[in-house]
Amino acid sequence: MGQEFKAKRVQTVFKKEEINHFYALNEVKASVSERVIKTIKAKIYRYFSYNQSYRYIDKLQSFADGYNHTIHSTIDMAPIEVKKENAETVRLSKYFSRPHSGKLKKILPL
């Protein structure tokens, strides 16, 4: 996968446009991006069904805005609310477990 980006003509364009292209060689690095793509695709397919039309190009910004303004359970806020000042805190909260309700769950003895 991704072989088309190794072509000499594509590499020439990357160099000309100063694009730093790299390959994520494991699934972990791309999982967040893949999830965003899957979510937006689902919204587009629902739009197709509801509107009985495959024209969506003029609605792409609307799909992106909807995604960016939706509260995400992993970060407890909408992506649009993540700013330079709180980005590190948000990133760390994603990787370190914490209860969503603010209350610790009771562990019952065996």
N, C-alpha and C. Protein backbone atom coordinates (compact mmCIF):
# COMPACT_ATOMS: atom_id res chain seq x y z
N MET A 1 0.84 -1.18 0.00
CA MET A 1 0.00 0.00 0.00
C MET A 1 0.88 1.24 0.00
N GLY A 2 0.43 2.29 -0.71
CA GLY A 2 1.19 3.53 -0.74
C GLY A 2 2.30 3.55 -1.77
N GLN A 3 2.35 2.54 -2.62
CA GLN A 3 3.42 2.46 -3.62
C GLN A 3 3.36 3.62 -4.62
N GLU A 4 2.15 4.15 -4.86
CA GLU A 4 2.00 5.23 -5.82
C GLU A 4 2.77 6.48 -5.40
N PHE A 5 3.05 6.62 -4.11
CA PHE A 5 3.78 7.79 -3.63
C PHE A 5 5.29 7.64 -3.77
N LYS A 6 5.74 6.47 -4.18
CA LYS A 6 7.18 6.25 -4.36
C LYS A 6 7.62 6.56 -5.79
N ALA A 7 6.68 6.80 -6.69
CA ALA A 7 7.00 7.07 -8.09
C ALA A 7 7.87 8.32 -8.22
N LYS A 8 8.76 8.30 -9.19
CA LYS A 8 9.70 9.40 -9.37
C LYS A 8 8.98 10.72 -9.63
N ARG A 9 7.92 10.70 -10.44
CA ARG A 9 7.18 11.93 -10.75
C ARG A 9 6.53 12.50 -9.49
N VAL A 10 6.01 11.64 -8.65
CA VAL A 10 5.38 12.09 -7.41
C VAL A 10 6.44 12.67 -6.48
N GLN A 11 7.58 12.00 -6.39
CA GLN A 11 8.67 12.50 -5.54
C GLN A 11 9.15 13.87 -6.03
N THR A 12 9.15 14.07 -7.35
CA THR A 12 9.54 15.36 -7.91
C THR A 12 8.57 16.46 -7.47
N VAL A 13 7.28 16.15 -7.49
CA VAL A 13 6.27 17.12 -7.03
C VAL A 13 6.46 17.42 -5.55
N PHE A 14 6.70 16.38 -4.75
CA PHE A 14 6.92 16.58 -3.32
C PHE A 14 8.10 17.52 -3.09
N LYS A 15 9.17 17.28 -3.82
CA LYS A 15 10.37 18.09 -3.65
C LYS A 15 10.09 19.54 -4.06
N LYS A 16 9.43 19.72 -5.20
CA LYS A 16 9.12 21.06 -5.71
C LYS A 16 8.22 21.82 -4.73
N GLU A 17 7.24 21.15 -4.17
CA GLU A 17 6.28 21.79 -3.26
C GLU A 17 6.75 21.77 -1.80
N GLU A 18 7.96 21.27 -1.57
CA GLU A 18 8.55 21.17 -0.23
C GLU A 18 7.65 20.38 0.72
N ILE A 19 7.15 19.24 0.21
CA ILE A 19 6.32 18.35 1.01
C ILE A 19 7.20 17.28 1.61
N ASN A 20 7.19 17.17 2.94
CA ASN A 20 7.96 16.16 3.64
C ASN A 20 7.09 14.92 3.79
N HIS A 21 7.23 13.97 2.88
CA HIS A 21 6.40 12.77 2.87
C HIS A 21 7.10 11.65 3.62
N PHE A 22 6.35 10.96 4.49
CA PHE A 22 6.92 9.83 5.21
C PHE A 22 5.87 8.74 5.31
N TYR A 23 6.31 7.55 5.65
CA TYR A 23 5.42 6.40 5.77
C TYR A 23 5.29 6.01 7.24
N ALA A 24 4.06 5.84 7.69
CA ALA A 24 3.81 5.29 9.02
C ALA A 24 3.83 3.78 8.85
N LEU A 25 4.84 3.12 9.38
CA LEU A 25 5.04 1.71 9.09
C LEU A 25 4.29 0.76 10.01
N ASN A 26 3.50 1.30 10.93
CA ASN A 26 2.66 0.39 11.71
C ASN A 26 1.28 1.01 11.88
N GLU A 27 0.31 0.20 12.22
CA GLU A 27 -1.08 0.63 12.29
C GLU A 27 -1.35 1.61 13.42
N VAL A 28 -0.56 1.56 14.47
CA VAL A 28 -0.79 2.43 15.62
C VAL A 28 -0.68 3.90 15.22
N LYS A 29 0.28 4.23 14.40
CA LYS A 29 0.51 5.62 14.03
C LYS A 29 -0.62 6.20 13.20
N ALA A 30 -1.31 5.37 12.44
CA ALA A 30 -2.37 5.87 11.56
C ALA A 30 -3.77 5.63 12.12
N SER A 31 -3.89 5.01 13.26
CA SER A 31 -5.21 4.62 13.75
C SER A 31 -6.14 5.80 14.00
N VAL A 32 -5.62 6.90 14.51
CA VAL A 32 -6.46 8.06 14.78
C VAL A 32 -6.95 8.65 13.45
N SER A 33 -6.06 8.78 12.49
CA SER A 33 -6.44 9.30 11.18
C SER A 33 -7.45 8.39 10.51
N GLU A 34 -7.23 7.09 10.59
CA GLU A 34 -8.15 6.13 9.98
C GLU A 34 -9.53 6.25 10.61
N ARG A 35 -9.59 6.49 11.90
CA ARG A 35 -10.89 6.62 12.58
C ARG A 35 -11.62 7.87 12.12
N VAL A 36 -10.90 8.98 11.96
CA VAL A 36 -11.50 10.22 11.46
C VAL A 36 -12.08 9.99 10.07
N ILE A 37 -11.29 9.36 9.22
CA ILE A 37 -11.74 9.08 7.85
C ILE A 37 -12.99 8.21 7.86
N LYS A 38 -12.99 7.18 8.68
CA LYS A 38 -14.14 6.28 8.77
C LYS A 38 -15.39 7.04 9.22
N THR A 39 -15.25 7.90 10.21
CA THR A 39 -16.39 8.67 10.73
C THR A 39 -16.94 9.62 9.67
N ILE A 40 -16.07 10.34 8.99
CA ILE A 40 -16.52 11.29 7.97
C ILE A 40 -17.15 10.54 6.79
N LYS A 41 -16.57 9.40 6.41
CA LYS A 41 -17.17 8.59 5.34
C LYS A 41 -18.58 8.16 5.72
N ALA A 42 -18.77 7.75 6.95
CA ALA A 42 -20.10 7.32 7.41
C ALA A 42 -21.09 8.48 7.29
N LYS A 43 -20.66 9.68 7.66
CA LYS A 43 -21.54 10.85 7.54
C LYS A 43 -21.89 11.12 6.08
N ILE A 44 -20.91 10.97 5.20
CA ILE A 44 -21.15 11.19 3.77
C ILE A 44 -22.13 10.15 3.23
N TYR A 45 -21.97 8.89 3.62
CA TYR A 45 -22.88 7.84 3.14
C TYR A 45 -24.30 8.06 3.66
N ARG A 46 -24.43 8.52 4.90
CA ARG A 46 -25.77 8.84 5.42
C ARG A 46 -26.39 9.99 4.62
N TYR A 47 -25.55 10.95 4.26
CA TYR A 47 -26.01 12.08 3.44
C TYR A 47 -26.51 11.58 2.09
N PHE A 48 -25.76 10.64 1.47
CA PHE A 48 -26.19 10.06 0.19
C PHE A 48 -27.58 9.46 0.32
N SER A 49 -27.77 8.66 1.35
CA SER A 49 -29.05 7.97 1.54
C SER A 49 -30.19 8.96 1.77
N TYR A 50 -29.96 9.90 2.65
CA TYR A 50 -31.01 10.85 3.02
C TYR A 50 -31.41 11.73 1.84
N ASN A 51 -30.42 12.19 1.06
CA ASN A 51 -30.68 13.13 -0.03
C ASN A 51 -30.86 12.46 -1.39
N GLN A 52 -30.70 11.15 -1.44
CA GLN A 52 -30.83 10.42 -2.71
C GLN A 52 -29.97 11.07 -3.80
N SER A 53 -28.75 11.41 -3.42
CA SER A 53 -27.83 12.07 -4.34
C SER A 53 -26.40 11.71 -3.95
N TYR A 54 -25.54 11.63 -4.96
CA TYR A 54 -24.12 11.36 -4.68
C TYR A 54 -23.28 12.63 -4.78
N ARG A 55 -23.91 13.77 -4.90
CA ARG A 55 -23.17 15.04 -4.95
C ARG A 55 -22.91 15.49 -3.51
N TYR A 56 -21.65 15.56 -3.15
CA TYR A 56 -21.30 15.92 -1.78
C TYR A 56 -20.17 16.93 -1.70
N ILE A 57 -19.52 17.24 -2.80
CA ILE A 57 -18.33 18.08 -2.77
C ILE A 57 -18.62 19.45 -2.13
N ASP A 58 -19.82 19.98 -2.38
CA ASP A 58 -20.16 21.28 -1.81
C ASP A 58 -20.52 21.19 -0.33
N LYS A 59 -20.58 19.98 0.22
CA LYS A 59 -20.91 19.77 1.63
C LYS A 59 -19.71 19.31 2.46
N LEU A 60 -18.55 19.13 1.84
CA LEU A 60 -17.38 18.62 2.57
C LEU A 60 -17.03 19.48 3.78
N GLN A 61 -17.06 20.79 3.61
CA GLN A 61 -16.72 21.67 4.73
C GLN A 61 -17.72 21.49 5.87
N SER A 62 -18.97 21.28 5.52
CA SER A 62 -20.01 21.04 6.52
C SER A 62 -19.73 19.76 7.30
N PHE A 63 -19.29 18.70 6.60
CA PHE A 63 -18.95 17.45 7.28
C PHE A 63 -17.77 17.65 8.24
N ALA A 64 -16.75 18.37 7.76
CA ALA A 64 -15.57 18.63 8.60
C ALA A 64 -15.94 19.48 9.81
N ASP A 65 -16.76 20.51 9.59
CA ASP A 65 -17.19 21.37 10.71
C ASP A 65 -17.98 20.57 11.73
N GLY A 66 -18.87 19.72 11.24
CA GLY A 66 -19.66 18.88 12.15
C GLY A 66 -18.78 18.00 13.00
N TYR A 67 -17.79 17.39 12.37
CA TYR A 67 -16.85 16.53 13.10
C TYR A 67 -16.08 17.34 14.14
N ASN A 68 -15.58 18.49 13.73
CA ASN A 68 -14.75 19.31 14.62
C ASN A 68 -15.51 19.95 15.77
N HIS A 69 -16.83 20.05 15.66
CA HIS A 69 -17.64 20.65 16.72
C HIS A 69 -18.36 19.61 17.57
N THR A 70 -18.13 18.34 17.30
CA THR A 70 -18.76 17.25 18.06
C THR A 70 -17.85 16.86 19.23
N ILE A 71 -18.42 16.74 20.41
CA ILE A 71 -17.64 16.34 21.59
C ILE A 71 -17.21 14.88 21.42
N HIS A 72 -15.94 14.63 21.62
CA HIS A 72 -15.37 13.29 21.50
C HIS A 72 -15.13 12.72 22.90
N SER A 73 -15.57 11.50 23.10
CA SER A 73 -15.47 10.90 24.44
C SER A 73 -14.02 10.68 24.88
N THR A 74 -13.10 10.50 23.94
CA THR A 74 -11.72 10.25 24.34
C THR A 74 -11.03 11.48 24.91
N ILE A 75 -11.46 12.67 24.48
CA ILE A 75 -10.83 13.89 24.98
C ILE A 75 -11.81 14.76 25.77
N ASP A 76 -13.06 14.32 25.87
CA ASP A 76 -14.10 15.04 26.61
C ASP A 76 -14.30 16.48 26.14
N MET A 77 -14.08 16.73 24.88
CA MET A 77 -14.32 18.05 24.28
C MET A 77 -14.36 17.89 22.77
N ALA A 78 -14.75 18.94 22.09
CA ALA A 78 -14.74 18.95 20.64
C ALA A 78 -13.33 19.28 20.15
N PRO A 79 -12.90 18.70 19.04
CA PRO A 79 -11.55 19.00 18.53
C PRO A 79 -11.31 20.50 18.32
N ILE A 80 -12.34 21.25 17.99
CA ILE A 80 -12.20 22.69 17.77
C ILE A 80 -11.77 23.42 19.04
N GLU A 81 -12.03 22.80 20.20
CA GLU A 81 -11.68 23.41 21.49
C GLU A 81 -10.22 23.17 21.88
N VAL A 82 -9.54 22.29 21.17
CA VAL A 82 -8.13 22.03 21.47
C VAL A 82 -7.31 23.16 20.87
N LYS A 83 -6.59 23.85 21.73
CA LYS A 83 -5.76 24.98 21.31
C LYS A 83 -4.31 24.68 21.67
N LYS A 84 -3.43 25.53 21.23
CA LYS A 84 -2.01 25.37 21.51
C LYS A 84 -1.76 25.28 23.02
N GLU A 85 -2.52 26.05 23.78
CA GLU A 85 -2.32 26.12 25.23
C GLU A 85 -2.71 24.82 25.95
N ASN A 86 -3.69 24.08 25.43
CA ASN A 86 -4.14 22.87 26.12
C ASN A 86 -3.85 21.58 25.36
N ALA A 87 -3.16 21.67 24.25
CA ALA A 87 -2.92 20.50 23.40
C ALA A 87 -2.16 19.40 24.14
N GLU A 88 -1.15 19.76 24.89
CA GLU A 88 -0.35 18.75 25.60
C GLU A 88 -1.19 18.05 26.67
N THR A 89 -1.99 18.79 27.39
CA THR A 89 -2.87 18.20 28.41
C THR A 89 -3.86 17.24 27.76
N VAL A 90 -4.45 17.65 26.65
CA VAL A 90 -5.40 16.79 25.93
C VAL A 90 -4.71 15.53 25.43
N ARG A 91 -3.53 15.69 24.86
CA ARG A 91 -2.79 14.53 24.35
C ARG A 91 -2.48 13.55 25.46
N LEU A 92 -2.01 14.04 26.58
CA LEU A 92 -1.68 13.16 27.70
C LEU A 92 -2.92 12.48 28.27
N SER A 93 -4.04 13.20 28.31
CA SER A 93 -5.27 12.61 28.85
C SER A 93 -5.77 11.47 27.98
N LYS A 94 -5.42 11.49 26.72
CA LYS A 94 -5.83 10.41 25.81
C LYS A 94 -5.08 9.12 26.13
N TYR A 95 -3.85 9.25 26.55
CA TYR A 95 -3.02 8.06 26.76
C TYR A 95 -2.95 7.59 28.20
N PHE A 96 -3.41 8.41 29.13
CA PHE A 96 -3.42 7.99 30.52
C PHE A 96 -4.86 7.85 30.97
N SER A 97 -5.19 6.70 31.50
CA SER A 97 -6.56 6.38 31.85
C SER A 97 -7.07 7.27 32.97
N ARG A 98 -8.33 7.66 32.86
CA ARG A 98 -9.01 8.40 33.90
C ARG A 98 -10.49 8.10 33.77
N PRO A 99 -11.21 8.09 34.86
CA PRO A 99 -12.65 7.81 34.78
C PRO A 99 -13.38 8.99 34.13
N HIS A 100 -14.30 8.71 33.21
CA HIS A 100 -15.05 9.76 32.53
C HIS A 100 -16.03 10.47 33.45
N SER A 101 -16.58 9.75 34.43
CA SER A 101 -17.59 10.34 35.31
C SER A 101 -16.97 11.20 36.41
N GLY A 102 -15.68 11.10 36.58
CA GLY A 102 -15.03 11.82 37.66
C GLY A 102 -15.05 11.04 38.96
N LYS A 103 -15.71 9.89 38.96
CA LYS A 103 -15.78 9.05 40.16
C LYS A 103 -15.01 7.76 39.90
N LEU A 104 -14.31 7.31 40.89
CA LEU A 104 -13.60 6.04 40.77
C LEU A 104 -14.59 4.89 40.93
N LYS A 105 -14.42 3.87 40.14
CA LYS A 105 -15.28 2.69 40.27
C LYS A 105 -14.82 1.87 41.46
N LYS A 106 -15.78 1.30 42.19
CA LYS A 106 -15.45 0.45 43.32
C LYS A 106 -15.01 -0.92 42.80
N ILE A 107 -13.95 -1.42 43.37
CA ILE A 107 -13.48 -2.76 43.02
C ILE A 107 -13.95 -3.70 44.12
N LEU A 108 -14.73 -4.67 43.72
CA LEU A 108 -15.26 -5.62 44.70
C LEU A 108 -14.23 -6.70 44.99
N PRO A 109 -14.10 -7.11 46.25
CA PRO A 109 -13.16 -8.19 46.58
C PRO A 109 -13.65 -9.50 45.99
N LEU A 110 -12.71 -10.37 45.65
CA LEU A 110 -13.06 -11.68 45.07
C LEU A 110 -13.54 -12.63 46.11
